[in-house]
Structures are given as C-alpha cells and as structure tokens.
Protein backbone atom coordinates (compact mmCIF):
# COMPACT_ATOMS: atom_id res chain seq x y z
CA MET A 1 0.00 0.00 0.00
CA SER A 2 1.41 3.37 -0.98
CA ASP A 3 1.55 6.54 1.11
CA ALA A 4 -1.17 8.11 -1.04
CA ALA A 5 -3.46 5.23 -0.18
CA ARG A 6 -3.07 5.98 3.53
CA GLY A 7 -4.71 9.38 3.10
CA GLN A 8 -1.85 11.57 1.96
CA ARG A 9 -1.64 13.34 -1.38
CA HIS A 10 2.07 13.18 -1.94
CA SER A 11 4.33 10.36 -0.97
CA SER A 12 7.18 12.70 0.07
CA VAL A 13 5.08 14.85 2.49
CA TYR A 14 4.66 13.62 6.08
CA ASP A 15 2.40 15.04 8.78
CA ASP A 16 4.49 15.56 11.94
CA ALA A 17 1.47 16.57 14.06
CA VAL A 18 -0.21 13.20 13.56
CA GLY A 19 2.97 11.24 14.10
CA HIS A 20 3.61 9.96 10.56
CA ALA A 21 7.16 11.32 10.26
CA PRO A 22 9.61 8.74 9.05
CA PRO A 23 12.12 7.60 11.67
CA GLY A 24 15.45 9.38 11.83
CA THR A 25 14.16 12.87 10.95
CA GLU A 26 14.39 14.24 14.51
CA ALA A 27 17.77 15.06 16.00
CA PRO A 28 18.65 12.40 18.58
CA ASP A 29 20.47 14.74 21.00
CA VAL A 30 19.28 17.66 23.11
CA ARG A 31 20.59 21.08 22.17
CA LEU A 32 22.76 21.91 25.12
CA LYS A 33 23.51 25.59 24.47
CA PRO A 34 19.91 26.94 24.95
CA LEU A 35 19.44 24.72 28.00
CA LEU A 36 22.61 25.99 29.68
CA LEU A 37 21.83 29.61 28.80
CA THR A 38 18.37 29.30 30.36
CA GLY A 39 19.80 27.81 33.56
CA LEU A 40 22.48 30.50 33.71
CA PHE A 41 19.85 33.23 33.23
CA ILE A 42 17.78 31.82 36.13
CA VAL A 43 20.82 31.72 38.45
CA VAL A 44 21.92 35.27 37.52
CA PHE A 45 18.37 36.62 37.88
CA THR A 46 18.00 35.04 41.35
CA ALA A 47 21.39 36.38 42.51
CA VAL A 48 20.66 39.91 41.27
CA THR A 49 17.22 39.86 42.92
CA ILE A 50 18.57 38.72 46.30
CA GLY A 51 21.43 41.24 46.11
CA GLY A 52 19.03 44.05 45.25
CA LEU A 53 16.71 43.18 48.15
CA ARG A 54 19.63 43.05 50.57
CA PHE A 55 20.88 46.44 49.34
CA TYR A 56 17.38 47.91 49.66
CA TYR A 57 16.85 46.66 53.24
CA ASN A 58 20.33 47.79 54.36
CA ARG A 59 19.76 51.29 52.98
CA GLN A 60 16.26 51.69 54.38
CA ASP A 61 15.86 53.79 57.52
CA LEU A 62 14.12 52.45 60.58
CA GLY A 63 10.41 53.12 60.58
CA PRO A 64 8.63 55.33 63.09
CA LEU A 65 7.57 52.33 65.17
CA VAL A 66 11.02 50.76 65.36
CA GLN A 67 13.57 52.40 67.59
CA ALA A 68 17.23 51.68 67.83
CA ALA A 69 18.50 50.08 71.03
CA ARG A 70 19.39 52.64 73.67
CA THR A 71 22.29 52.58 76.06
CA PHE A 72 21.52 54.08 79.40
CA PRO A 73 23.86 56.56 81.06
CA SER A 74 25.61 55.65 84.27
CA PRO A 75 25.01 54.75 87.05
CA ARG A 76 23.79 51.47 85.66
CA LEU A 77 21.80 49.23 87.97
CA GLN A 78 23.14 46.07 86.38
CA GLN A 79 26.81 45.92 85.61
CA ASN A 80 26.62 42.44 84.09
CA PRO A 81 23.06 41.54 82.98
CA GLU A 82 24.05 38.13 81.59
CA ALA A 83 25.54 37.02 84.92
CA ASP A 84 22.50 38.41 86.78
CA LEU A 85 20.16 36.40 84.53
CA ALA A 86 22.22 33.23 85.04
CA ALA A 87 22.16 33.72 88.83
CA MET A 88 18.39 34.30 88.82
CA LEU A 89 17.78 31.17 86.72
CA GLN A 90 20.02 29.13 89.03
CA GLU A 91 18.10 30.41 92.07
CA GLN A 92 14.76 29.50 90.48
CA ARG A 93 16.03 26.04 89.54
CA ALA A 94 17.19 25.51 93.14
CA LYS A 95 13.70 26.42 94.39
CA LEU A 96 12.08 24.01 91.93
CA ASP A 97 14.42 21.14 92.74
CA GLY A 98 14.84 21.66 96.50
CA TYR A 99 12.88 21.23 99.70
CA ALA A 100 11.87 24.01 102.09
CA TRP A 101 9.27 24.88 104.68
CA ILE A 102 6.54 27.26 103.55
CA ASP A 103 4.70 27.31 106.91
CA ARG A 104 6.13 25.00 109.57
CA ASP A 105 3.23 25.56 112.01
CA LYS A 106 0.64 24.41 109.47
CA GLY A 107 2.88 21.67 108.06
CA ILE A 108 3.16 23.13 104.54
CA ALA A 109 6.41 22.30 102.78
CA ARG A 110 7.78 22.74 99.26
CA LEU A 111 8.77 19.55 97.41
CA SER A 112 10.95 19.09 94.38
CA ILE A 113 9.10 18.63 91.11
CA SER A 114 10.36 15.09 90.62
CA GLU A 115 9.23 14.06 94.13
CA ALA A 116 5.79 15.64 93.63
CA MET A 117 5.36 13.86 90.29
CA ARG A 118 6.43 10.54 91.85
CA ARG A 119 3.87 10.95 94.64
CA LEU A 120 1.11 11.78 92.16
CA ALA A 121 2.03 8.74 90.07
CA GLU A 122 1.81 6.50 93.16
CA ARG A 123 -1.75 7.71 93.83
CA GLY A 124 -2.81 6.74 90.29
CA ASN A 125 -6.12 7.90 88.84
CA ALA A 126 -7.41 8.87 92.27
CA ALA A 127 -5.00 11.81 92.21
CA TYR A 128 -6.95 13.39 89.36
CA ALA A 129 -10.49 12.69 90.59
CA ALA A 130 -12.65 15.59 91.67
CA PRO A 131 -12.99 15.92 95.43
CA VAL A 132 -16.22 14.57 96.89
CA GLN A 133 -18.60 17.43 97.65
CA PRO A 134 -21.29 17.09 100.29
CA GLU A 135 -24.79 17.27 98.90
CA ARG A 136 -26.53 20.46 99.91
CA THR A 137 -30.27 20.74 99.99
CA PRO A 138 -31.73 24.23 99.84
CA THR A 139 -33.67 25.46 102.82
CA LEU A 140 -37.43 25.69 102.67
CA GLY A 141 -38.68 28.96 101.26
CA SER A 142 -35.48 29.76 99.44
CA ARG A 143 -35.36 30.17 95.70
CA GLY A 144 -34.03 26.66 95.14
CA GLY A 145 -36.14 24.99 97.84
CA ALA A 146 -39.81 24.09 98.20
CA SER A 147 -42.32 26.19 100.11
CA SER A 148 -43.45 23.26 102.28
CA ALA A 149 -42.04 19.94 103.29
CA VAL A 150 -44.65 17.87 101.40
CA LEU A 151 -45.83 18.89 97.97
CA SER A 152 -49.33 18.08 96.84
CA PRO A 153 -49.77 16.55 93.39
CA GLY A 154 -50.02 19.20 90.72
CA ALA A 155 -48.69 21.90 93.01
CA GLY A 156 -46.00 24.15 91.78
CA PRO A 157 -45.61 27.32 89.81
CA GLY A 158 -48.55 27.91 87.48
CA ALA A 159 -50.63 25.01 88.81
CA VAL A 160 -54.41 25.29 88.62
CA ASN A 161 -56.31 24.65 91.85
CA THR A 162 -58.82 21.92 91.09
CA PRO A 163 -60.52 19.64 93.58
CA ALA A 164 -59.02 16.18 93.79
CA THR A 165 -62.45 14.50 93.55
CA ILE A 166 -65.80 15.78 92.40
CA GLU A 167 -68.70 14.89 94.66
CA PRO A 168 -71.77 13.49 92.90
CA GLY A 169 -74.47 16.05 92.34
CA LYS A 170 -72.17 19.00 92.59
CA GLY A 171 -70.61 20.68 89.63
CA LEU A 172 -67.40 22.42 89.27
CA PRO A 173 -67.12 25.65 91.23
C-alpha cells in the first residue's frame, strides 16, 4: 500500500502533528547551548534579585515604630546583665528542685518537682479525681427549695387549683 493510499496526497510529504514522520528525521540529541543559557539566566536573575533586596533593606531607615537600642547613662543598675540572669535562673532552679518549709506551724512544705510527680504517680487515677462534695439541699422557702415539706400533686408554679375528687351532684365551682 502506498503513502497516497493511507490518506496523503504526496508520498514525500509527512504530517508531523499526527505522528507519521519517518524515523530518523528528529535530532537524537538535546541542544545543550539553549538549555545551559536558560539555567544560567535563572541563576543570575535570582542572585541579582537577592542582592538588590539586601541592598534595599540595608539602605532603608528604621520606621517610626522601630527604635534603635538605647544605652543608658551611668550609674547602671546592672553591671553584668548576663551574669544576673544566670544567677536568677540558678536560684529559680534551686527552688524548683529543692525542699523548704513554707509554713512549719501548718505543716506546709515545698517539694521538688520530681518528688511531687512521683507521689502523684503513686496515687494513680485517684489523684486526678474531683474531690467529693457534700450534697446540699436548699432550705425551705429559698429560691431553690420548696415552700413546704410535702408537695401536693399538681402543686408548683402555674398550677391550677382543682378539687381532687368531684362529689356526685355537685358541679365544678
């Protein structure tokens, strides 16, 4: 069967869009020069952009809400703030890890964190349960309590007073 029989007018013309190109017409290798130039352009563009942003931010003045750090004139209250902070943190750690009396008369003492956690773990789930509260019943006549000790059926706010039984021969009042 000839090429013209397959739907083409001329035997030497091939339709690349449909995929009828004869093998060997496309270059087997990738053109390296445009690929490398594109990569180089991306790298240069990124470097110039980052450099320009850095230059812009270094040249920009501080805004009205940002103030430069101030140094205070003498006499300074802290000669060595780093050492003062380290001493304060060490003192706090000693309080957290040590034992001391808070109120000896009442028997209140401070425990280390690890000891307190160990004691809570020994108690188990009971350590996290809510304390048992005594049940309180409101007094009679209060807002939460009843007006009398025994309530009659149907009594309460908005109840209609009706006789419990209707005597024969008498109608409703």
